[in-house]
Amino acid sequence: MTPQLWVLIGGVALLALAVFIQSVTKRGKRRPLSHAQPKSDKHARVAELGMEATDLDLVESVNRENKRLEEANAATTRRFRYRN
């Protein structure tokens, strides 16, 4: 057997040993999934719900920008479509 094969076998054996040791040490220590959730902050600021939480000025500016881009794209498309 070549030295590379021995190194590969040794690495796999070490990995298997590490997995076995971890499984033995963790045996019987089941942790419910709910323990992984963050603790709730009772003093957190309550967010506004519904339309009062929506910044309508921002929505309107995005709609204007989208319309401008759509019109520019349509003009470019029309120009190249009739070029052929």
N, C-alpha and C. Protein backbone atom coordinates (compact mmCIF):
# COMPACT_ATOMS: atom_id res chain seq x y z
N MET A 1 0.84 -1.19 0.00
CA MET A 1 0.00 0.00 0.00
C MET A 1 0.88 1.24 0.00
N THR A 2 0.38 2.26 -0.65
CA THR A 2 1.16 3.49 -0.77
C THR A 2 0.93 4.37 0.47
N PRO A 3 1.84 5.28 0.72
CA PRO A 3 1.69 6.17 1.89
C PRO A 3 0.44 7.05 1.80
N GLN A 4 0.08 7.46 0.58
CA GLN A 4 -1.12 8.29 0.43
C GLN A 4 -2.37 7.52 0.86
N LEU A 5 -2.42 6.25 0.54
CA LEU A 5 -3.56 5.43 0.92
C LEU A 5 -3.63 5.28 2.44
N TRP A 6 -2.46 5.11 3.09
CA TRP A 6 -2.44 5.01 4.55
C TRP A 6 -2.93 6.31 5.20
N VAL A 7 -2.53 7.44 4.63
CA VAL A 7 -2.97 8.73 5.15
C VAL A 7 -4.48 8.87 4.98
N LEU A 8 -5.00 8.47 3.83
CA LEU A 8 -6.43 8.53 3.57
C LEU A 8 -7.20 7.64 4.55
N ILE A 9 -6.73 6.42 4.75
CA ILE A 9 -7.38 5.50 5.68
C ILE A 9 -7.33 6.06 7.10
N GLY A 10 -6.19 6.64 7.49
CA GLY A 10 -6.06 7.23 8.81
C GLY A 10 -7.01 8.41 9.00
N GLY A 11 -7.16 9.23 7.98
CA GLY A 11 -8.08 10.38 8.05
C GLY A 11 -9.52 9.93 8.20
N VAL A 12 -9.91 8.91 7.43
CA VAL A 12 -11.28 8.39 7.53
C VAL A 12 -11.50 7.78 8.90
N ALA A 13 -10.50 7.07 9.43
CA ALA A 13 -10.63 6.47 10.75
C ALA A 13 -10.77 7.54 11.84
N LEU A 14 -10.00 8.61 11.74
CA LEU A 14 -10.11 9.70 12.71
C LEU A 14 -11.47 10.38 12.64
N LEU A 15 -11.98 10.56 11.43
CA LEU A 15 -13.29 11.16 11.26
C LEU A 15 -14.37 10.26 11.87
N ALA A 16 -14.29 8.96 11.62
CA ALA A 16 -15.25 8.01 12.18
C ALA A 16 -15.16 8.00 13.70
N LEU A 17 -13.96 8.08 14.25
CA LEU A 17 -13.78 8.11 15.70
C LEU A 17 -14.39 9.39 16.29
N ALA A 18 -14.20 10.51 15.64
CA ALA A 18 -14.76 11.77 16.13
C ALA A 18 -16.29 11.73 16.11
N VAL A 19 -16.87 11.17 15.06
CA VAL A 19 -18.33 11.06 14.98
C VAL A 19 -18.85 10.14 16.08
N PHE A 20 -18.16 9.03 16.32
CA PHE A 20 -18.58 8.09 17.36
C PHE A 20 -18.50 8.73 18.75
N ILE A 21 -17.41 9.43 19.03
CA ILE A 21 -17.25 10.07 20.34
C ILE A 21 -18.33 11.13 20.54
N GLN A 22 -18.63 11.90 19.52
CA GLN A 22 -19.65 12.92 19.65
C GLN A 22 -21.03 12.30 19.87
N SER A 23 -21.32 11.20 19.18
CA SER A 23 -22.63 10.57 19.36
C SER A 23 -22.77 9.97 20.76
N VAL A 24 -21.68 9.46 21.33
CA VAL A 24 -21.74 8.88 22.67
C VAL A 24 -21.91 9.99 23.71
N THR A 25 -21.21 11.09 23.54
CA THR A 25 -21.30 12.16 24.54
C THR A 25 -22.62 12.90 24.47
N LYS A 26 -23.27 12.95 23.32
CA LYS A 26 -24.54 13.66 23.17
C LYS A 26 -25.74 12.76 23.44
N ARG A 27 -25.54 11.49 23.70
CA ARG A 27 -26.63 10.54 23.87
C ARG A 27 -27.51 10.96 25.05
N GLY A 28 -28.83 10.99 24.82
CA GLY A 28 -29.78 11.30 25.87
C GLY A 28 -29.91 12.78 26.18
N LYS A 29 -29.29 13.63 25.42
CA LYS A 29 -29.35 15.08 25.67
C LYS A 29 -30.18 15.75 24.58
N ARG A 30 -31.40 15.28 24.43
CA ARG A 30 -32.27 15.85 23.40
C ARG A 30 -32.65 17.26 23.80
N ARG A 31 -32.53 18.17 22.87
CA ARG A 31 -32.86 19.56 23.13
C ARG A 31 -34.02 19.95 22.23
N PRO A 32 -35.14 20.37 22.79
CA PRO A 32 -36.30 20.73 21.95
C PRO A 32 -35.96 21.89 21.01
N LEU A 33 -36.62 21.88 19.88
CA LEU A 33 -36.38 22.92 18.88
C LEU A 33 -36.76 24.30 19.41
N SER A 34 -37.71 24.36 20.32
CA SER A 34 -38.14 25.65 20.85
C SER A 34 -37.03 26.33 21.65
N HIS A 35 -36.06 25.59 22.12
CA HIS A 35 -34.94 26.19 22.85
C HIS A 35 -34.00 26.95 21.92
N ALA A 36 -34.09 26.70 20.63
CA ALA A 36 -33.23 27.39 19.68
C ALA A 36 -33.82 28.75 19.28
N GLN A 37 -35.07 29.01 19.66
CA GLN A 37 -35.71 30.27 19.31
C GLN A 37 -35.17 31.39 20.21
N PRO A 38 -35.06 32.60 19.68
CA PRO A 38 -34.59 33.70 20.51
C PRO A 38 -35.65 34.07 21.56
N LYS A 39 -35.19 34.57 22.66
CA LYS A 39 -36.09 35.00 23.72
C LYS A 39 -36.85 36.24 23.26
N SER A 40 -38.13 36.30 23.61
CA SER A 40 -38.92 37.46 23.20
C SER A 40 -38.56 38.65 24.08
N ASP A 41 -38.53 39.80 23.46
CA ASP A 41 -38.25 41.03 24.18
C ASP A 41 -39.57 41.71 24.49
N LYS A 42 -39.96 41.72 25.76
CA LYS A 42 -41.26 42.26 26.14
C LYS A 42 -41.30 43.77 26.04
N HIS A 43 -40.15 44.40 25.98
CA HIS A 43 -40.10 45.85 25.92
C HIS A 43 -39.85 46.35 24.50
N ALA A 44 -40.02 45.47 23.53
CA ALA A 44 -39.79 45.86 22.14
C ALA A 44 -40.88 46.84 21.69
N ARG A 45 -40.50 47.72 20.78
CA ARG A 45 -41.45 48.69 20.26
C ARG A 45 -42.47 47.97 19.39
N VAL A 46 -43.72 48.29 19.58
CA VAL A 46 -44.78 47.67 18.80
C VAL A 46 -44.84 48.35 17.44
N ALA A 47 -44.71 47.57 16.39
CA ALA A 47 -44.72 48.12 15.04
C ALA A 47 -46.15 48.46 14.64
N GLU A 48 -46.30 49.50 13.85
CA GLU A 48 -47.62 49.86 13.35
C GLU A 48 -48.04 48.82 12.32
N LEU A 49 -49.31 48.55 12.29
CA LEU A 49 -49.83 47.55 11.36
C LEU A 49 -50.74 48.22 10.34
N GLY A 50 -50.88 47.60 9.20
CA GLY A 50 -51.80 48.10 8.19
C GLY A 50 -51.24 49.25 7.39
N MET A 51 -52.16 50.06 6.86
CA MET A 51 -51.77 51.15 5.97
C MET A 51 -51.01 52.26 6.68
N GLU A 52 -51.22 52.42 7.99
CA GLU A 52 -50.50 53.48 8.68
C GLU A 52 -49.01 53.20 8.77
N ALA A 53 -48.59 51.95 8.55
CA ALA A 53 -47.18 51.61 8.58
C ALA A 53 -46.52 51.80 7.21
N THR A 54 -47.33 52.02 6.18
CA THR A 54 -46.80 52.15 4.82
C THR A 54 -46.43 53.60 4.54
N ASP A 55 -45.23 53.78 4.05
CA ASP A 55 -44.78 55.11 3.66
C ASP A 55 -45.25 55.35 2.23
N LEU A 56 -46.38 56.05 2.08
CA LEU A 56 -46.98 56.21 0.76
C LEU A 56 -46.14 57.09 -0.16
N ASP A 57 -45.36 58.01 0.41
CA ASP A 57 -44.49 58.84 -0.43
C ASP A 57 -43.44 57.97 -1.11
N LEU A 58 -42.90 57.00 -0.38
CA LEU A 58 -41.92 56.10 -0.95
C LEU A 58 -42.55 55.23 -2.03
N VAL A 59 -43.75 54.75 -1.78
CA VAL A 59 -44.46 53.92 -2.78
C VAL A 59 -44.70 54.72 -4.05
N GLU A 60 -45.13 55.95 -3.92
CA GLU A 60 -45.38 56.80 -5.09
C GLU A 60 -44.10 57.08 -5.87
N SER A 61 -43.00 57.31 -5.16
CA SER A 61 -41.75 57.59 -5.87
C SER A 61 -41.27 56.35 -6.62
N VAL A 62 -41.45 55.18 -6.03
CA VAL A 62 -41.06 53.95 -6.72
C VAL A 62 -41.95 53.73 -7.94
N ASN A 63 -43.26 54.00 -7.80
CA ASN A 63 -44.17 53.84 -8.94
C ASN A 63 -43.81 54.80 -10.07
N ARG A 64 -43.46 56.05 -9.73
CA ARG A 64 -43.06 57.01 -10.77
C ARG A 64 -41.79 56.55 -11.48
N GLU A 65 -40.82 56.05 -10.71
CA GLU A 65 -39.57 55.57 -11.30
C GLU A 65 -39.82 54.38 -12.22
N ASN A 66 -40.67 53.45 -11.78
CA ASN A 66 -40.97 52.29 -12.62
C ASN A 66 -41.67 52.70 -13.91
N LYS A 67 -42.59 53.65 -13.82
CA LYS A 67 -43.28 54.11 -15.01
C LYS A 67 -42.32 54.78 -15.98
N ARG A 68 -41.39 55.59 -15.43
CA ARG A 68 -40.40 56.26 -16.28
C ARG A 68 -39.52 55.24 -17.00
N LEU A 69 -39.08 54.22 -16.26
CA LEU A 69 -38.24 53.20 -16.87
C LEU A 69 -38.99 52.39 -17.90
N GLU A 70 -40.26 52.10 -17.61
CA GLU A 70 -41.07 51.34 -18.56
C GLU A 70 -41.27 52.11 -19.85
N GLU A 71 -41.52 53.42 -19.76
CA GLU A 71 -41.70 54.25 -20.95
C GLU A 71 -40.40 54.33 -21.75
N ALA A 72 -39.28 54.47 -21.07
CA ALA A 72 -37.99 54.52 -21.77
C ALA A 72 -37.69 53.20 -22.46
N ASN A 73 -38.00 52.09 -21.80
CA ASN A 73 -37.77 50.78 -22.38
C ASN A 73 -38.69 50.55 -23.58
N ALA A 74 -39.94 51.01 -23.48
CA ALA A 74 -40.89 50.82 -24.58
C ALA A 74 -40.45 51.62 -25.80
N ALA A 75 -39.95 52.84 -25.58
CA ALA A 75 -39.48 53.66 -26.69
C ALA A 75 -38.28 53.01 -27.37
N THR A 76 -37.37 52.45 -26.59
CA THR A 76 -36.19 51.78 -27.15
C THR A 76 -36.61 50.53 -27.92
N THR A 77 -37.55 49.79 -27.36
CA THR A 77 -38.01 48.56 -28.02
C THR A 77 -38.68 48.89 -29.34
N ARG A 78 -39.52 49.93 -29.36
CA ARG A 78 -40.19 50.31 -30.60
C ARG A 78 -39.17 50.74 -31.66
N ARG A 79 -38.14 51.47 -31.23
CA ARG A 79 -37.14 51.96 -32.16
C ARG A 79 -36.39 50.79 -32.80
N PHE A 80 -36.02 49.77 -32.03
CA PHE A 80 -35.28 48.64 -32.58
C PHE A 80 -36.17 47.65 -33.31
N ARG A 81 -37.43 47.61 -32.97
CA ARG A 81 -38.33 46.66 -33.62
C ARG A 81 -38.55 47.04 -35.08
N TYR A 82 -38.70 48.32 -35.37
CA TYR A 82 -38.98 48.76 -36.72
C TYR A 82 -37.73 49.08 -37.51
N ARG A 83 -36.57 48.83 -36.95
CA ARG A 83 -35.31 49.12 -37.63
C ARG A 83 -35.04 48.10 -38.73
N ASN A 84 -35.45 46.85 -38.55
CA ASN A 84 -35.15 45.80 -39.52
C ASN A 84 -35.95 45.92 -40.75
